Protein backbone atom coordinates (compact mmCIF):
# COMPACT_ATOMS: atom_id res chain seq x y z
CA MET A 1 0.00 0.00 0.00
CA THR A 2 1.36 3.40 -1.03
CA PRO A 3 1.87 5.79 1.93
CA GLN A 4 -0.55 8.71 2.05
CA GLY A 5 1.92 11.60 2.16
CA SER A 6 3.07 13.27 -1.05
CA LEU A 7 5.48 15.96 -2.22
CA ALA A 8 5.38 18.45 -5.08
CA CYS A 9 8.31 20.79 -5.76
CA VAL A 10 7.18 23.69 -7.93
CA GLY A 11 8.81 26.71 -9.55
CA LEU A 12 7.63 30.29 -9.07
CA GLY A 13 9.68 31.52 -12.00
CA MET A 14 11.94 34.53 -11.65
CA MET A 15 9.51 37.48 -11.68
CA LEU A 16 7.03 38.08 -8.89
CA GLY A 17 3.59 36.75 -9.85
CA ALA A 18 4.28 36.78 -13.59
CA HIS A 19 5.79 33.33 -14.13
CA LEU A 20 3.65 31.08 -11.93
CA SER A 21 1.97 28.30 -13.92
CA PRO A 22 -1.61 27.12 -13.20
CA ARG A 23 -0.33 23.66 -12.17
CA SER A 24 2.15 25.12 -9.70
CA ARG A 25 -0.49 27.45 -8.28
CA SER A 26 -2.82 24.49 -7.81
CA HIS A 27 -0.17 22.56 -5.85
CA ILE A 28 0.42 25.58 -3.60
CA GLU A 29 -3.26 26.17 -2.94
CA GLN A 30 -4.16 22.52 -2.28
CA ALA A 31 -1.20 21.44 -0.15
CA ASP A 32 -1.52 20.76 3.55
CA VAL A 33 1.95 22.20 4.21
CA VAL A 34 3.88 24.73 2.05
CA PHE A 35 7.62 25.35 2.33
CA ALA A 36 9.32 28.13 0.38
CA LEU A 37 12.80 29.17 -0.70
CA VAL A 38 12.49 32.28 -2.84
CA SER A 39 14.75 35.02 -4.15
CA ASP A 40 13.33 38.18 -2.59
CA PRO A 41 11.51 39.13 0.65
CA LEU A 42 8.73 40.71 -1.43
CA VAL A 43 8.24 37.42 -3.27
CA GLU A 44 7.96 35.63 0.07
CA LEU A 45 5.35 38.17 1.25
CA TRP A 46 3.41 37.67 -1.99
CA LEU A 47 3.45 33.92 -1.48
CA GLN A 48 2.32 34.30 2.14
CA ASP A 49 -0.64 36.33 0.89
CA MET A 50 -1.68 33.23 -1.04
CA ARG A 51 -0.75 30.84 1.77
CA PRO A 52 -0.34 32.63 5.13
CA ASP A 53 0.94 29.40 6.69
CA THR A 54 3.94 29.17 4.35
CA ARG A 55 7.11 28.04 6.14
CA SER A 56 10.27 29.77 4.94
CA LEU A 57 13.38 27.64 4.37
CA GLN A 58 15.59 30.74 4.40
CA PRO A 59 16.43 30.54 8.16
CA TYR A 60 18.37 27.32 7.55
CA TYR A 61 21.12 29.40 5.91
CA ALA A 62 23.83 30.84 8.14
CA GLU A 63 27.21 32.47 7.54
CA GLY A 64 29.97 29.90 8.03
CA LYS A 65 27.55 26.96 7.90
CA LYS A 66 28.22 24.46 5.13
CA ARG A 67 25.57 24.59 2.44
CA THR A 68 25.52 20.79 2.34
CA GLU A 69 24.26 20.77 5.94
CA THR A 70 21.74 23.51 5.16
CA TYR A 71 20.37 21.55 2.22
CA ARG A 72 20.16 18.33 4.26
CA GLU A 73 18.11 20.11 6.92
CA MET A 74 15.77 21.65 4.33
CA VAL A 75 15.14 18.25 2.74
CA GLU A 76 14.49 16.63 6.10
CA ALA A 77 12.06 19.39 7.13
CA MET A 78 9.89 18.62 4.09
CA LEU A 79 10.16 14.84 4.40
CA VAL A 80 9.09 14.91 8.05
CA GLU A 81 5.74 16.32 6.95
CA VAL A 82 5.44 13.87 4.05
CA ARG A 83 6.04 10.97 6.43
CA ALA A 84 3.28 12.35 8.65
CA GLY A 85 0.86 11.74 5.79
CA ARG A 86 0.51 15.32 4.62
CA THR A 87 0.38 16.75 1.10
CA VAL A 88 3.52 18.90 0.97
CA CYS A 89 4.48 21.56 -1.55
CA GLY A 90 8.00 22.97 -1.78
CA VAL A 91 8.07 26.31 -3.59
CA PHE A 92 11.33 27.48 -5.16
CA TYR A 93 12.24 30.51 -7.23
CA GLY A 94 12.98 29.95 -10.89
CA HIS A 95 12.89 26.31 -11.97
CA PRO A 96 13.00 23.87 -9.03
CA GLY A 97 15.32 21.56 -10.94
CA VAL A 98 17.86 24.12 -12.19
CA PHE A 99 20.78 24.90 -9.84
CA ALA A 100 18.61 23.70 -6.98
CA LEU A 101 19.83 20.67 -5.05
CA VAL A 102 17.12 20.58 -2.38
CA PRO A 103 14.13 19.80 -4.65
CA HIS A 104 16.01 16.97 -6.37
CA ARG A 105 17.13 15.46 -3.07
CA ALA A 106 13.69 15.81 -1.50
CA ILE A 107 11.96 14.13 -4.43
CA GLU A 108 14.53 11.34 -4.53
CA GLY A 109 14.14 10.81 -0.79
CA ALA A 110 10.34 10.78 -0.90
CA ARG A 111 10.24 8.31 -3.78
CA ALA A 112 12.82 6.06 -2.10
CA GLU A 113 10.48 5.83 0.89
CA GLY A 114 7.50 4.97 -1.32
CA PHE A 115 5.78 8.35 -1.43
CA GLU A 116 4.43 10.05 -4.51
CA ALA A 117 6.66 12.99 -5.52
CA VAL A 118 6.59 15.26 -8.58
CA MET A 119 8.39 18.34 -9.89
CA GLU A 120 6.63 21.13 -11.77
CA PRO A 121 8.91 23.26 -13.97
CA GLY A 122 9.22 27.00 -13.76
CA ILE A 123 10.80 29.79 -15.79
CA SER A 124 14.48 29.79 -14.81
CA ALA A 125 17.17 32.45 -14.95
CA GLU A 126 18.46 30.65 -18.04
CA ASP A 127 15.14 31.21 -19.82
CA CYS A 128 15.17 34.89 -18.86
CA LEU A 129 18.79 35.18 -20.00
CA TYR A 130 17.98 33.99 -23.51
CA ALA A 131 15.05 36.42 -23.75
CA ASP A 132 16.80 39.46 -22.24
CA LEU A 133 20.08 39.07 -24.13
CA GLY A 134 18.50 37.92 -27.39
CA ILE A 135 20.46 34.67 -27.47
CA ASP A 136 19.29 31.61 -29.37
CA PRO A 137 21.34 28.70 -27.98
CA GLY A 138 20.83 26.86 -31.24
CA THR A 139 22.74 29.42 -33.31
CA TYR A 140 26.26 28.80 -32.03
CA GLY A 141 25.67 26.36 -29.18
CA CYS A 142 25.78 27.02 -25.45
CA GLN A 143 27.94 25.59 -22.66
CA HIS A 144 26.78 25.90 -19.06
CA TYR A 145 28.92 25.35 -15.96
CA GLU A 146 28.75 26.32 -12.33
CA ALA A 147 31.70 28.68 -11.95
CA SER A 148 33.47 26.86 -9.10
CA GLN A 149 33.00 23.46 -10.71
CA PHE A 150 34.45 24.90 -13.90
CA MET A 151 37.55 25.90 -11.94
CA PHE A 152 37.89 22.66 -9.98
CA TYR A 153 37.79 20.27 -12.95
CA GLN A 154 39.46 20.09 -16.34
CA ARG A 155 36.78 20.97 -18.88
CA ARG A 156 37.09 21.16 -22.63
CA ILE A 157 35.47 24.41 -23.76
CA ASP A 158 34.60 25.58 -27.26
CA PRO A 159 35.24 29.33 -27.71
CA SER A 160 33.11 29.34 -30.87
CA ALA A 161 30.01 28.78 -28.68
CA TYR A 162 28.55 30.74 -25.78
CA LEU A 163 30.04 29.94 -22.37
CA ILE A 164 27.71 30.56 -19.41
CA LEU A 165 29.21 30.48 -15.90
CA TRP A 166 26.69 30.41 -13.06
CA GLN A 167 27.15 31.67 -9.51
CA ILE A 168 30.18 33.73 -10.48
CA GLY A 169 29.97 35.59 -7.15
CA ILE A 170 31.21 32.51 -5.27
CA ALA A 171 33.65 31.33 -7.94
CA GLY A 172 36.44 29.29 -6.38
CA ASP A 173 34.74 28.69 -3.02
CA ARG A 174 35.87 25.32 -1.66
CA SER A 175 34.34 25.73 1.79
CA LEU A 176 30.68 25.55 0.71
CA ALA A 177 30.08 27.98 3.56
CA ARG A 178 30.54 31.43 2.01
CA PHE A 179 28.10 33.65 0.16
CA ALA A 180 30.83 35.50 -1.78
CA THR A 181 34.44 35.24 -2.85
CA GLY A 182 36.61 38.11 -4.06
CA PRO A 183 38.86 39.47 -6.81
CA ASP A 184 41.73 37.05 -6.10
CA TYR A 185 39.48 34.11 -6.92
CA ARG A 186 38.15 35.67 -10.11
CA ARG A 187 41.71 36.55 -11.14
CA LEU A 188 42.42 32.80 -11.23
CA LEU A 189 39.28 32.29 -13.29
CA VAL A 190 40.45 34.89 -15.80
CA GLU A 191 43.82 33.11 -16.03
CA LEU A 192 41.96 29.87 -16.74
CA LEU A 193 39.95 31.50 -19.53
CA ALA A 194 42.79 33.56 -21.04
CA PRO A 195 44.15 30.84 -23.40
CA ASP A 196 40.79 30.80 -25.21
CA TYR A 197 39.53 34.38 -24.76
CA PRO A 198 41.39 37.70 -25.15
CA LEU A 199 41.44 39.77 -21.96
CA ASP A 200 39.55 42.53 -23.78
CA HIS A 201 36.86 40.13 -25.02
CA GLU A 202 33.44 41.60 -24.19
CA VAL A 203 31.49 39.59 -21.59
CA ILE A 204 28.21 40.25 -19.79
CA ALA A 205 27.32 40.15 -16.10
CA TYR A 206 23.67 39.10 -16.08
CA GLU A 207 20.98 39.06 -13.38
CA ALA A 208 17.32 38.36 -14.16
CA ALA A 209 14.69 40.82 -12.97
CA THR A 210 12.67 39.48 -10.03
CA LEU A 211 10.14 42.31 -9.69
CA PRO A 212 7.98 43.93 -12.40
CA ILE A 213 9.35 47.36 -11.42
CA THR A 214 13.00 46.34 -11.92
CA THR A 215 15.08 45.69 -15.02
CA PRO A 216 17.57 42.89 -15.60
CA ARG A 217 21.25 43.57 -15.11
CA MET A 218 23.06 43.25 -18.44
CA GLU A 219 26.43 44.87 -17.77
CA GLY A 220 29.05 44.55 -20.49
CA MET A 221 32.73 44.62 -19.61
CA PRO A 222 36.05 43.19 -20.84
CA LEU A 223 36.92 39.74 -19.53
CA SER A 224 39.64 41.26 -17.36
CA GLY A 225 37.01 43.55 -15.81
CA ILE A 226 35.26 40.73 -13.98
CA ILE A 227 38.09 40.65 -11.42
CA GLU A 228 37.03 43.90 -9.73
CA ALA A 229 33.39 44.03 -10.84
CA ASP A 230 30.44 43.66 -8.48
CA MET A 231 29.61 39.96 -8.74
CA ARG A 232 26.84 38.67 -6.50
CA LEU A 233 25.56 35.18 -5.78
CA GLN A 234 22.82 35.60 -8.40
CA THR A 235 25.17 36.98 -11.08
CA THR A 236 25.74 34.88 -14.18
CA LEU A 237 28.72 35.48 -16.47
CA VAL A 238 27.90 35.27 -20.18
CA ILE A 239 30.89 34.89 -22.51
CA PRO A 240 29.94 35.25 -26.20
CA PRO A 241 31.84 33.32 -28.88
CA ALA A 242 35.40 34.53 -29.42
CA ARG A 243 36.08 32.82 -32.73
CA PRO A 244 34.03 31.55 -35.70
CA MET A 245 32.89 27.97 -35.97
CA GLN A 246 35.24 25.74 -37.96
CA ARG A 247 33.75 23.53 -40.66
CA ASN A 248 34.31 19.82 -40.24
CA GLN A 249 35.04 19.12 -43.90
CA VAL A 250 35.79 15.43 -43.35
CA MET A 251 32.34 14.90 -41.84
CA LEU A 252 30.66 17.02 -44.51
CA ASP A 253 32.30 14.95 -47.26
CA ARG A 254 31.19 11.70 -45.63
CA LEU A 255 27.63 12.98 -45.30
CA ALA A 256 27.66 14.02 -48.97
CA GLN A 257 28.77 10.51 -49.93
CA ILE A 258 25.89 9.00 -47.91
CA ASP A 259 23.47 11.37 -49.66
CA LEU A 260 24.72 10.08 -53.04
CA GLU A 261 24.38 6.45 -51.95
CA VAL A 262 20.85 6.99 -50.59
CA ALA A 263 19.82 8.78 -53.80
CA ALA A 264 21.23 5.93 -55.88
CA ARG A 265 19.33 3.30 -53.89
CA ASN A 266 16.08 5.23 -54.20
CA ALA A 267 16.44 5.99 -57.90
CA PRO A 268 13.79 4.27 -60.08
CA THR A 269 15.09 1.26 -61.94
CA ALA A 270 14.78 1.02 -65.71
CA VAL A 271 12.10 -1.36 -66.99
């Protein structure tokens, strides 16, 4: 017999009230217990107007406390209510599955214990980025990395495509306990990027708008300028292509040969 408790993790989108889907709203309104981790105090107040009993997950954060411990506590707080047989809704800003460990862990944990658990998508900062900056990821291709992970591991990047580095404000943080790093850390990041991108290559510091009365941050600067620039936790670094795409002539020739062979096989035979 399936246990009675259930969990839904839903996305509010990035902008207050404008990005909430009907399915996500339904989960929020019908849940027995609502938890929330949102991007702005005004967004939290707006959510509490819909559900005055909303429980904020924000107090689990603390300066110097490892984020892994914070996330574990958030997951457990939701699962306790699921185990008690309640219909639980976790509300997260943006998309609950994009750069959000807690919803994934909570859903995995609930399902492992036999409970029903679902995720409802939301409009993420990535979606807003494409719209605000006028980028079609299909034109040149798009590579996405979390900034610290990009620094910690050897990655093969393609400078003929867009390179998107998330959470640039904590680039290089190994402690998992800080909310910001500084210029010395970003200087190392610039050194890592310099073999593929000129120091004067134009990049963009991007932050999606979260309120209807605000505008997105789309601040252009040379690559070297990111060292001293104001980079916050929510800042994303967008690096446009630095060189043209190179044709793969060997592959094109092989494809042309296949086209000829397919045409020959499909050609009508003489009677």
